[in-house]
Amino acid sequence: MSTTQKPLPFQYQFAAGAVAGVSEILLMYPLDVVKTRVQLQGRVPVPGQDHYTSMMDCFRKIIKNEGTSRLYRGIGAPIMMEAPKRATKFAANDSWGIFYRNLFGVAKQNQPLAILTGATAGATESLVVVPFELVKIRMQDKASAGKYNSIMDCVTKTVKAEGPLALYNGLESTAWRHILWNAGYFGCIFQVKSLLPPPGASKTQQTLNDLVSGAVGGTVGTILNTPMDVAKTRIQNSPRVPGQAPKYNWAWPALGTIMKEEGAAALYKGFLPKVLRLGPGGGVLLVVYTNMMEWFRKMGAQPVA
């Protein structure tokens, strides 16, 4: 993440990204379950189904009616996804940063390039995460609780019923979600770090700078991308039925449908648990990733020439 150090080879970025991602997901996953449940429900309560009025109401009803373990349902998919997802995020950001600096003849990263690099890294990352996200959402949805016995069972039944390409339902909306989040995340990291005291040789100040800039970046990224996340969640939880057009299909029309039927506020459903996860989670990601990369350098890893 440094603009002065050359990036390490991909295998080190992969390992550091994997450790950072799994650390974040283990800490924050219950908030993701709550966010998904709130995003999936409509304005009008469905008879026989729990309706959630707030984040805490959702937590309470899940624990009371389904058990605490339900807060970790579907965690296998994101854990399997974290290594390639986070490795792609950070490696793509480093690689695209080099590409754009060379393209525009800029010696050091600047604010516009930080945003452009983050957005491009987000588009790259979305190609990796779509199938994992689809499985995770279908496993988290209470309506699917009895439909899938495991991650592989969900994959098998989805492919059998809807075809292999169904695993990439929501690719467009996922790309928009990651473009917006990564642009906000990496753009803010660059800006916030420039405003904080330089760490110098202080390890404590370096960690504090990473934690603060990552948390601010995660919060801004979440503000920017939550509407697309709501659209993506609806699209990926809509099974494809031959001969029928799904209610939610493409990102921007889905946003229009949600606004028309449920109001503009519905575009920020699940925002509180999402920002509580990805704000601090963004800080955790950056701190763990940076420390892992520093550890690899101390162990003798050589940067890319």
Foldseek 3Di string as FASTA:
>chain_A
DDQPDFAFDLVLLLVLQLVLQVVLCVVQQLLVLLLLQQLQDAPDDDPPDDDAPDSVSSVVCCCVPPNPCLSCFLVVLSNVLRSVLRSLQVVQLSVVLVVVCVVVVNSTDDLVSQLVSQLVSLLRSLVRCQLSVLLSSLRSHPVNVPVAPDSVSSQVVQCVQANNCLSNQLSQLSSVLRSLLRSQQRSQLVVQLVVADDCVPPPVSVLVSLQQSQLRSQLRSLVRRQLSVSLSSNRSNFRDDPPDDTPRGHRPVSSVVSCVRHNNVSSCGSSVSSSVSRNSSRSSSRSSSVVSSVVVVVVPRDHDD
